[in-house]
């Protein structure tokens, strides 16, 4: 299983139009860092925020921020990535792999 392509595929599922706006997936040139940026309007006011920030270090997925429901962790586990390969920095877990 190519972890990078699984992560990219799962994040793409979060991108697109939503009820109040849309989410855009971005990645770095190496394809090992991803973000999901949301542009929305609520109560007549526009706003933008990062709903997801993810990196791939070695054979692990590092989730720095995840404001999605369902969480990316749930989606990745359902896609076959073992929980022990997912590091939730956003929940206080420490990165113990080398870049």
C-alpha atoms as a PDB file:
ATOM      1  CA  UNK A   1       0.000   0.000   0.000  1.00  0.00           C
ATOM      2  CA  UNK A   2       1.378   3.403  -0.991  1.00  0.00           C
ATOM      3  CA  UNK A   3       0.597   5.504   2.073  1.00  0.00           C
ATOM      4  CA  UNK A   4       1.025   8.811   0.212  1.00  0.00           C
ATOM      5  CA  UNK A   5      -1.593   7.978  -2.422  1.00  0.00           C
ATOM      6  CA  UNK A   6      -4.044   6.706   0.220  1.00  0.00           C
ATOM      7  CA  UNK A   7      -3.659   9.922   2.243  1.00  0.00           C
ATOM      8  CA  UNK A   8      -4.059  12.086  -0.854  1.00  0.00           C
ATOM      9  CA  UNK A   9      -7.151  10.172  -1.991  1.00  0.00           C
ATOM     10  CA  UNK A  10      -8.797  10.408   1.431  1.00  0.00           C
ATOM     11  CA  UNK A  11      -8.095  14.148   1.762  1.00  0.00           C
ATOM     12  CA  UNK A  12      -9.512  14.774  -1.723  1.00  0.00           C
ATOM     13  CA  UNK A  13     -12.806  13.337  -0.451  1.00  0.00           C
ATOM     14  CA  UNK A  14     -13.045  16.289   1.972  1.00  0.00           C
ATOM     15  CA  UNK A  15     -12.417  18.875  -0.763  1.00  0.00           C
ATOM     16  CA  UNK A  16     -15.190  20.513  -2.779  1.00  0.00           C
ATOM     17  CA  UNK A  17     -18.393  22.384  -2.135  1.00  0.00           C
ATOM     18  CA  UNK A  18     -20.073  22.347   1.242  1.00  0.00           C
ATOM     19  CA  UNK A  19     -23.209  23.877   2.723  1.00  0.00           C
ATOM     20  CA  UNK A  20     -21.705  27.349   3.256  1.00  0.00           C
ATOM     21  CA  UNK A  21     -18.666  27.383   0.963  1.00  0.00           C
ATOM     22  CA  UNK A  22     -15.940  25.130  -0.335  1.00  0.00           C
ATOM     23  CA  UNK A  23     -12.732  23.383   0.724  1.00  0.00           C
ATOM     24  CA  UNK A  24      -9.527  23.338  -1.318  1.00  0.00           C
ATOM     25  CA  UNK A  25      -6.789  20.725  -0.936  1.00  0.00           C
ATOM     26  CA  UNK A  26      -3.213  21.941  -1.298  1.00  0.00           C
ATOM     27  CA  UNK A  27       0.083  20.071  -1.185  1.00  0.00           C
ATOM     28  CA  UNK A  28       3.768  20.823  -1.345  1.00  0.00           C
ATOM     29  CA  UNK A  29       5.967  19.995  -4.335  1.00  0.00           C
ATOM     30  CA  UNK A  30       7.122  16.695  -2.808  1.00  0.00           C
ATOM     31  CA  UNK A  31       3.550  15.593  -2.104  1.00  0.00           C
ATOM     32  CA  UNK A  32       4.277  14.803   1.527  1.00  0.00           C
ATOM     33  CA  UNK A  33       2.473  17.752   3.165  1.00  0.00           C
ATOM     34  CA  UNK A  34      -1.224  18.480   2.651  1.00  0.00           C
ATOM     35  CA  UNK A  35      -3.673  21.112   3.848  1.00  0.00           C
ATOM     36  CA  UNK A  36      -7.368  21.622   3.433  1.00  0.00           C
ATOM     37  CA  UNK A  37      -8.386  25.272   3.358  1.00  0.00           C
ATOM     38  CA  UNK A  38     -12.040  26.207   3.796  1.00  0.00           C
ATOM     39  CA  UNK A  39     -13.576  29.378   2.357  1.00  0.00           C
ATOM     40  CA  UNK A  40     -17.102  29.966   3.645  1.00  0.00           C
ATOM     41  CA  UNK A  41     -19.836  32.480   4.380  1.00  0.00           C
ATOM     42  CA  UNK A  42     -21.890  32.423   7.564  1.00  0.00           C
ATOM     43  CA  UNK A  43     -24.331  35.065   8.714  1.00  0.00           C
ATOM     44  CA  UNK A  44     -23.288  37.167   5.725  1.00  0.00           C
ATOM     45  CA  UNK A  45     -19.599  37.163   6.704  1.00  0.00           C
ATOM     46  CA  UNK A  46     -16.826  35.526   4.710  1.00  0.00           C
ATOM     47  CA  UNK A  47     -14.065  33.635   6.471  1.00  0.00           C
ATOM     48  CA  UNK A  48     -11.234  31.248   5.713  1.00  0.00           C
ATOM     49  CA  UNK A  49      -9.558  28.658   7.911  1.00  0.00           C
ATOM     50  CA  UNK A  50      -7.361  25.594   7.680  1.00  0.00           C
ATOM     51  CA  UNK A  51      -9.412  22.531   8.557  1.00  0.00           C
ATOM     52  CA  UNK A  52      -6.671  19.969   7.978  1.00  0.00           C
ATOM     53  CA  UNK A  53      -2.866  19.870   8.072  1.00  0.00           C
ATOM     54  CA  UNK A  54      -1.155  16.536   7.420  1.00  0.00           C
ATOM     55  CA  UNK A  55       2.391  15.373   6.762  1.00  0.00           C
ATOM     56  CA  UNK A  56       3.909  12.074   5.762  1.00  0.00           C
ATOM     57  CA  UNK A  57       7.150  11.202   7.530  1.00  0.00           C
ATOM     58  CA  UNK A  58       8.614   7.860   6.564  1.00  0.00           C
ATOM     59  CA  UNK A  59       5.726   5.415   6.612  1.00  0.00           C
ATOM     60  CA  UNK A  60       3.686   7.396   9.143  1.00  0.00           C
ATOM     61  CA  UNK A  61       0.916   9.958   8.736  1.00  0.00           C
ATOM     62  CA  UNK A  62       1.266  12.993  11.001  1.00  0.00           C
ATOM     63  CA  UNK A  63      -1.963  14.909  11.600  1.00  0.00           C
ATOM     64  CA  UNK A  64      -1.214  18.400  12.907  1.00  0.00           C
ATOM     65  CA  UNK A  65      -4.781  19.737  12.665  1.00  0.00           C
ATOM     66  CA  UNK A  66      -8.090  18.066  11.842  1.00  0.00           C
ATOM     67  CA  UNK A  67     -11.405  19.885  12.190  1.00  0.00           C
ATOM     68  CA  UNK A  68     -13.371  17.468  10.024  1.00  0.00           C
ATOM     69  CA  UNK A  69     -16.241  15.144  10.790  1.00  0.00           C
ATOM     70  CA  UNK A  70     -15.627  12.322  10.283  1.00  0.00           C
ATOM     71  CA  UNK A  71     -11.992  12.788  11.205  1.00  0.00           C
ATOM     72  CA  UNK A  72      -9.231  11.968   8.747  1.00  0.00           C
ATOM     73  CA  UNK A  73      -8.019   9.378  11.261  1.00  0.00           C
ATOM     74  CA  UNK A  74     -11.289   7.472  10.894  1.00  0.00           C
ATOM     75  CA  UNK A  75     -11.121   7.710   7.101  1.00  0.00           C
ATOM     76  CA  UNK A  76      -7.504   6.521   6.979  1.00  0.00           C
ATOM     77  CA  UNK A  77      -8.200   3.536   9.244  1.00  0.00           C
ATOM     78  CA  UNK A  78     -11.172   2.562   7.069  1.00  0.00           C
ATOM     79  CA  UNK A  79      -8.864   2.858   4.030  1.00  0.00           C
ATOM     80  CA  UNK A  80      -6.460   0.343   5.595  1.00  0.00           C
ATOM     81  CA  UNK A  81      -3.815   2.464   7.322  1.00  0.00           C
ATOM     82  CA  UNK A  82      -3.139   1.008  10.788  1.00  0.00           C
ATOM     83  CA  UNK A  83      -3.792   3.358  13.725  1.00  0.00           C
ATOM     84  CA  UNK A  84      -0.193   2.885  14.919  1.00  0.00           C
ATOM     85  CA  UNK A  85       0.953   4.560  11.649  1.00  0.00           C
ATOM     86  CA  UNK A  86      -1.100   7.694  12.439  1.00  0.00           C
ATOM     87  CA  UNK A  87       0.380  10.301  14.787  1.00  0.00           C
ATOM     88  CA  UNK A  88      -2.111  12.826  16.180  1.00  0.00           C
ATOM     89  CA  UNK A  89       0.004  15.847  17.038  1.00  0.00           C
ATOM     90  CA  UNK A  90      -3.289  17.735  17.353  1.00  0.00           C
ATOM     91  CA  UNK A  91      -4.169  15.431  20.288  1.00  0.00           C
ATOM     92  CA  UNK A  92      -0.768  15.667  21.972  1.00  0.00           C
ATOM     93  CA  UNK A  93       0.918  12.607  20.481  1.00  0.00           C
ATOM     94  CA  UNK A  94       4.634  13.049  19.838  1.00  0.00           C
ATOM     95  CA  UNK A  95       6.400  12.512  16.556  1.00  0.00           C
ATOM     96  CA  UNK A  96       8.846   9.671  17.064  1.00  0.00           C
ATOM     97  CA  UNK A  97       9.834   9.066  13.439  1.00  0.00           C
ATOM     98  CA  UNK A  98      12.659  10.631  11.446  1.00  0.00           C
ATOM     99  CA  UNK A  99      12.078  12.870   8.468  1.00  0.00           C
END
